[in-house]
Amino acid sequence: MSKPTERGIKLPEQTTDIATVHTPPPGPFVHSITVGWGDCDPAQIAYTASVLGWGLKALEAWCDICLGVNWFELNLNHGIGTPFVSMNYEFTSPITPRAVLECTVYVRRIGRSSLHHLVEGRQSDRLCFTGTMTSVFVAAAELKPIPIPPNMRESIELYAAGQGRDLEDEA
């Protein structure tokens, strides 16, 4: 895979942290998704690929709430990417347009360069899916891992402390 700069994409040469620690609202972040008829297959349930996309949309919205910047700004303004190295989804109940899909984002574990999330999708308090995702903080121009910058790390730790669920121990 070529680096972004080899494809003509201009990224900052240096990575920069967010200016200050961002204090997220208390409790776990919940991102609401309106499921439409067009999101469904002939069996009248959501396309599987849509569910993966909704989990990612919830994580991107979480990033904005937790760090005060979205993925676009993180890459282009701070020179930091967070590509995924692992994703796993388990489906427990069908998703339909009958109710809003509530995607709750939890931090599972914070590594030196890695960040592990859990996203739970529910409709009418019924668990529909659980997604676990691991991303790695990288210098966007080089795609090389970097430690999570201090203000970002502290912001993530503040979120994790108030999310209502303990972090997982290293396995």
C-alpha atoms as a PDB file:
ATOM      1  CA  MET A   1       0.000   0.000   0.000  1.00  0.00           C
ATOM      2  CA  SER A   2       1.396   3.392  -0.936  1.00  0.00           C
ATOM      3  CA  LYS A   3       1.716   6.207   1.574  1.00  0.00           C
ATOM      4  CA  PRO A   4      -0.717   9.130   1.224  1.00  0.00           C
ATOM      5  CA  THR A   5       2.119  11.480   0.257  1.00  0.00           C
ATOM      6  CA  GLU A   6       3.101   9.113  -2.591  1.00  0.00           C
ATOM      7  CA  ARG A   7      -0.425   9.536  -3.965  1.00  0.00           C
ATOM      8  CA  GLY A   8      -0.165  13.337  -3.989  1.00  0.00           C
ATOM      9  CA  ILE A   9      -2.062  13.894  -0.741  1.00  0.00           C
ATOM     10  CA  LYS A  10      -0.561  16.772   1.260  1.00  0.00           C
ATOM     11  CA  LEU A  11      -0.370  15.999   4.969  1.00  0.00           C
ATOM     12  CA  PRO A  12       1.471  17.802   7.761  1.00  0.00           C
ATOM     13  CA  GLU A  13       5.058  16.604   8.101  1.00  0.00           C
ATOM     14  CA  GLN A  14       4.864  16.772  11.893  1.00  0.00           C
ATOM     15  CA  THR A  15       2.196  15.346  14.163  1.00  0.00           C
ATOM     16  CA  THR A  16       0.600  17.700  16.672  1.00  0.00           C
ATOM     17  CA  ASP A  17      -1.446  17.049  19.768  1.00  0.00           C
ATOM     18  CA  ILE A  18      -4.755  18.807  20.434  1.00  0.00           C
ATOM     19  CA  ALA A  19      -4.138  22.154  22.149  1.00  0.00           C
ATOM     20  CA  THR A  20      -5.771  21.237  25.464  1.00  0.00           C
ATOM     21  CA  VAL A  21      -7.313  18.259  27.173  1.00  0.00           C
ATOM     22  CA  HIS A  22     -10.924  17.938  26.060  1.00  0.00           C
ATOM     23  CA  THR A  23     -13.434  17.058  28.774  1.00  0.00           C
ATOM     24  CA  PRO A  24     -16.240  14.942  27.270  1.00  0.00           C
ATOM     25  CA  PRO A  25     -19.773  14.917  28.675  1.00  0.00           C
ATOM     26  CA  PRO A  26     -20.316  12.317  31.444  1.00  0.00           C
ATOM     27  CA  GLY A  27     -21.567   8.841  30.652  1.00  0.00           C
ATOM     28  CA  PRO A  28     -21.077   6.765  27.549  1.00  0.00           C
ATOM     29  CA  PHE A  29     -21.475   8.483  24.178  1.00  0.00           C
ATOM     30  CA  VAL A  30     -24.578   7.377  22.252  1.00  0.00           C
ATOM     31  CA  HIS A  31     -24.855   8.075  18.522  1.00  0.00           C
ATOM     32  CA  SER A  32     -28.369   7.811  17.054  1.00  0.00           C
ATOM     33  CA  ILE A  33     -28.918   6.425  13.548  1.00  0.00           C
ATOM     34  CA  THR A  34     -32.198   6.615  11.672  1.00  0.00           C
ATOM     35  CA  VAL A  35     -32.498   3.374   9.725  1.00  0.00           C
ATOM     36  CA  GLY A  36     -34.340   3.857   6.443  1.00  0.00           C
ATOM     37  CA  TRP A  37     -36.148   1.522   4.087  1.00  0.00           C
ATOM     38  CA  GLY A  38     -33.258   1.892   1.618  1.00  0.00           C
ATOM     39  CA  ASP A  39     -30.857   0.513   4.253  1.00  0.00           C
ATOM     40  CA  CYS A  40     -32.638  -2.849   4.150  1.00  0.00           C
ATOM     41  CA  ASP A  41     -32.489  -5.957   1.992  1.00  0.00           C
ATOM     42  CA  PRO A  42     -35.434  -7.955   0.593  1.00  0.00           C
ATOM     43  CA  ALA A  43     -35.744  -9.724   3.978  1.00  0.00           C
ATOM     44  CA  GLN A  44     -36.609  -6.260   5.399  1.00  0.00           C
ATOM     45  CA  ILE A  45     -33.591  -6.098   7.714  1.00  0.00           C
ATOM     46  CA  ALA A  46     -30.516  -3.859   7.472  1.00  0.00           C
ATOM     47  CA  TYR A  47     -27.772  -4.758   5.030  1.00  0.00           C
ATOM     48  CA  THR A  48     -24.791  -6.177   6.920  1.00  0.00           C
ATOM     49  CA  ALA A  49     -22.416  -3.662   5.342  1.00  0.00           C
ATOM     50  CA  SER A  50     -24.614  -0.811   6.597  1.00  0.00           C
ATOM     51  CA  VAL A  51     -24.159  -2.022  10.171  1.00  0.00           C
ATOM     52  CA  LEU A  52     -20.368  -1.861   9.828  1.00  0.00           C
ATOM     53  CA  GLY A  53     -20.683   1.680   8.476  1.00  0.00           C
ATOM     54  CA  TRP A  54     -22.965   2.725  11.340  1.00  0.00           C
ATOM     55  CA  GLY A  55     -20.412   1.457  13.866  1.00  0.00           C
ATOM     56  CA  LEU A  56     -17.722   3.534  12.159  1.00  0.00           C
ATOM     57  CA  LYS A  57     -19.985   6.617  12.064  1.00  0.00           C
ATOM     58  CA  ALA A  58     -20.528   6.220  15.806  1.00  0.00           C
ATOM     59  CA  LEU A  59     -16.763   6.041  16.367  1.00  0.00           C
ATOM     60  CA  GLU A  60     -16.116   9.118  14.250  1.00  0.00           C
ATOM     61  CA  ALA A  61     -18.779  11.062  16.150  1.00  0.00           C
ATOM     62  CA  TRP A  62     -17.190   9.806  19.400  1.00  0.00           C
ATOM     63  CA  CYS A  63     -13.800  11.109  18.261  1.00  0.00           C
ATOM     64  CA  ASP A  64     -15.276  14.575  17.758  1.00  0.00           C
ATOM     65  CA  ILE A  65     -16.957  14.497  21.201  1.00  0.00           C
ATOM     66  CA  CYS A  66     -13.960  13.000  23.019  1.00  0.00           C
ATOM     67  CA  LEU A  67     -11.085  14.874  21.358  1.00  0.00           C
ATOM     68  CA  GLY A  68     -12.839  17.910  19.939  1.00  0.00           C
ATOM     69  CA  VAL A  69     -11.675  17.032  16.411  1.00  0.00           C
ATOM     70  CA  ASN A  70     -13.055  14.654  13.790  1.00  0.00           C
ATOM     71  CA  TRP A  71     -11.030  12.140  11.767  1.00  0.00           C
ATOM     72  CA  PHE A  72     -10.634  14.572   8.854  1.00  0.00           C
ATOM     73  CA  GLU A  73      -9.159  17.266  11.121  1.00  0.00           C
ATOM     74  CA  LEU A  74      -7.048  14.716  12.970  1.00  0.00           C
ATOM     75  CA  ASN A  75      -5.429  13.680   9.673  1.00  0.00           C
ATOM     76  CA  LEU A  76      -5.173  16.980   7.836  1.00  0.00           C
ATOM     77  CA  ASN A  77      -4.626  19.414  10.716  1.00  0.00           C
ATOM     78  CA  HIS A  78      -2.722  17.229  13.196  1.00  0.00           C
ATOM     79  CA  GLY A  79      -0.980  14.775  10.836  1.00  0.00           C
ATOM     80  CA  ILE A  80      -2.368  11.802  12.773  1.00  0.00           C
ATOM     81  CA  GLY A  81      -4.238   8.851  11.306  1.00  0.00           C
ATOM     82  CA  THR A  82      -6.023   6.106  13.205  1.00  0.00           C
ATOM     83  CA  PRO A  83      -6.307   3.164  10.782  1.00  0.00           C
ATOM     84  CA  PHE A  84      -8.051   0.035  11.982  1.00  0.00           C
ATOM     85  CA  VAL A  85      -6.035  -3.112  12.502  1.00  0.00           C
ATOM     86  CA  SER A  86      -8.903  -5.240  13.794  1.00  0.00           C
ATOM     87  CA  MET A  87     -12.713  -5.300  13.552  1.00  0.00           C
ATOM     88  CA  ASN A  88     -15.121  -7.910  14.800  1.00  0.00           C
ATOM     89  CA  TYR A  89     -18.914  -7.674  14.772  1.00  0.00           C
ATOM     90  CA  GLU A  90     -21.372 -10.061  16.364  1.00  0.00           C
ATOM     91  CA  PHE A  91     -25.024  -9.803  15.375  1.00  0.00           C
ATOM     92  CA  THR A  92     -27.668 -10.738  17.933  1.00  0.00           C
ATOM     93  CA  SER A  93     -30.919  -9.282  16.602  1.00  0.00           C
ATOM     94  CA  PRO A  94     -32.078  -7.857  13.257  1.00  0.00           C
ATOM     95  CA  ILE A  95     -32.038  -4.110  12.653  1.00  0.00           C
ATOM     96  CA  THR A  96     -35.100  -2.653  10.929  1.00  0.00           C
ATOM     97  CA  PRO A  97     -36.498   0.823  10.161  1.00  0.00           C
ATOM     98  CA  ARG A  98     -39.021   0.384  13.010  1.00  0.00           C
ATOM     99  CA  ALA A  99     -36.875   2.207  15.603  1.00  0.00           C
ATOM    100  CA  VAL A 100     -33.839   4.441  15.959  1.00  0.00           C
ATOM    101  CA  LEU A 101     -30.561   2.551  16.238  1.00  0.00           C
ATOM    102  CA  GLU A 102     -28.637   3.733  19.317  1.00  0.00           C
ATOM    103  CA  CYS A 103     -24.885   3.053  19.050  1.00  0.00           C
ATOM    104  CA  THR A 104     -23.088   3.319  22.395  1.00  0.00           C
ATOM    105  CA  VAL A 105     -19.307   3.739  22.263  1.00  0.00           C
ATOM    106  CA  TYR A 106     -17.021   2.436  24.998  1.00  0.00           C
ATOM    107  CA  VAL A 107     -13.251   2.478  25.318  1.00  0.00           C
ATOM    108  CA  ARG A 108     -12.109  -1.086  26.064  1.00  0.00           C
ATOM    109  CA  ARG A 109      -8.376  -0.552  26.370  1.00  0.00           C
ATOM    110  CA  ILE A 110      -5.803   2.178  25.789  1.00  0.00           C
ATOM    111  CA  GLY A 111      -2.394   1.011  24.616  1.00  0.00           C
ATOM    112  CA  ARG A 112       0.772   2.940  23.873  1.00  0.00           C
ATOM    113  CA  SER A 113      -0.278   3.537  20.254  1.00  0.00           C
ATOM    114  CA  SER A 114      -3.477   1.520  20.068  1.00  0.00           C
ATOM    115  CA  LEU A 115      -7.046   2.251  21.052  1.00  0.00           C
ATOM    116  CA  HIS A 116      -9.619  -0.512  21.515  1.00  0.00           C
ATOM    117  CA  HIS A 117     -13.336   0.295  21.289  1.00  0.00           C
ATOM    118  CA  LEU A 118     -16.591  -1.523  21.841  1.00  0.00           C
ATOM    119  CA  VAL A 119     -19.723  -0.317  20.042  1.00  0.00           C
ATOM    120  CA  GLU A 120     -23.106  -1.717  21.055  1.00  0.00           C
ATOM    121  CA  GLY A 121     -26.046  -1.144  18.730  1.00  0.00           C
ATOM    122  CA  ARG A 122     -29.540  -1.285  20.227  1.00  0.00           C
ATOM    123  CA  GLN A 123     -33.067  -0.715  18.995  1.00  0.00           C
ATOM    124  CA  SER A 124     -35.799  -0.304  21.620  1.00  0.00           C
ATOM    125  CA  ASP A 125     -33.337  -1.492  24.308  1.00  0.00           C
ATOM    126  CA  ARG A 126     -32.730  -4.738  22.355  1.00  0.00           C
ATOM    127  CA  LEU A 127     -29.059  -5.508  21.645  1.00  0.00           C
ATOM    128  CA  CYS A 128     -28.650  -5.874  17.875  1.00  0.00           C
ATOM    129  CA  PHE A 129     -24.865  -5.959  17.459  1.00  0.00           C
ATOM    130  CA  THR A 130     -21.589  -5.672  19.289  1.00  0.00           C
ATOM    131  CA  GLY A 131     -18.544  -4.415  17.437  1.00  0.00           C
ATOM    132  CA  THR A 132     -14.999  -4.471  18.733  1.00  0.00           C
ATOM    133  CA  MET A 133     -12.480  -2.366  16.879  1.00  0.00           C
ATOM    134  CA  THR A 134      -8.801  -1.610  17.335  1.00  0.00           C
ATOM    135  CA  SER A 135      -7.105   1.348  15.716  1.00  0.00           C
ATOM    136  CA  VAL A 136      -3.517   2.531  15.873  1.00  0.00           C
ATOM    137  CA  PHE A 137      -2.324   6.118  16.076  1.00  0.00           C
ATOM    138  CA  VAL A 138       0.100   6.753  13.206  1.00  0.00           C
ATOM    139  CA  ALA A 139       1.960   9.663  11.671  1.00  0.00           C
ATOM    140  CA  ALA A 140      -0.380  10.100   8.707  1.00  0.00           C
ATOM    141  CA  ALA A 141       2.344  10.995   6.198  1.00  0.00           C
ATOM    142  CA  GLU A 142       4.443   7.895   6.963  1.00  0.00           C
ATOM    143  CA  LEU A 143       1.822   5.471   8.300  1.00  0.00           C
ATOM    144  CA  LYS A 144       4.175   4.631  11.190  1.00  0.00           C
ATOM    145  CA  PRO A 145       2.834   4.076  14.734  1.00  0.00           C
ATOM    146  CA  ILE A 146       3.259   6.903  17.249  1.00  0.00           C
ATOM    147  CA  PRO A 147       2.410   7.062  20.929  1.00  0.00           C
ATOM    148  CA  ILE A 148      -1.028   8.549  21.597  1.00  0.00           C
ATOM    149  CA  PRO A 149      -0.253  12.251  22.162  1.00  0.00           C
ATOM    150  CA  PRO A 150      -0.536  13.338  25.836  1.00  0.00           C
ATOM    151  CA  ASN A 151      -3.590  15.642  25.579  1.00  0.00           C
ATOM    152  CA  MET A 152      -5.420  13.114  23.410  1.00  0.00           C
ATOM    153  CA  ARG A 153      -4.536  10.297  25.815  1.00  0.00           C
ATOM    154  CA  GLU A 154      -5.736  12.289  28.817  1.00  0.00           C
ATOM    155  CA  SER A 155      -8.982  13.176  26.995  1.00  0.00           C
ATOM    156  CA  ILE A 156      -9.551   9.476  26.191  1.00  0.00           C
ATOM    157  CA  GLU A 157      -8.753   8.496  29.788  1.00  0.00           C
ATOM    158  CA  LEU A 158     -11.249  11.092  31.077  1.00  0.00           C
ATOM    159  CA  TYR A 159     -13.900   9.653  28.764  1.00  0.00           C
ATOM    160  CA  ALA A 160     -13.098   6.090  29.859  1.00  0.00           C
ATOM    161  CA  ALA A 161     -13.288   7.078  33.549  1.00  0.00           C
ATOM    162  CA  GLY A 162     -16.817   8.434  33.058  1.00  0.00           C
ATOM    163  CA  GLN A 163     -18.208   5.919  30.588  1.00  0.00           C
ATOM    164  CA  GLY A 164     -19.753   3.680  33.247  1.00  0.00           C
ATOM    165  CA  ARG A 165     -17.739   0.592  32.307  1.00  0.00           C
ATOM    166  CA  ASP A 166     -14.274  -0.497  33.412  1.00  0.00           C
ATOM    167  CA  LEU A 167     -11.388  -0.807  30.981  1.00  0.00           C
ATOM    168  CA  GLU A 168     -10.348  -4.354  30.161  1.00  0.00           C
ATOM    169  CA  ASP A 169      -7.078  -5.743  31.418  1.00  0.00           C
ATOM    170  CA  GLU A 170      -4.340  -6.484  28.921  1.00  0.00           C
ATOM    171  CA  ALA A 171      -4.732 -10.020  27.632  1.00  0.00           C
END
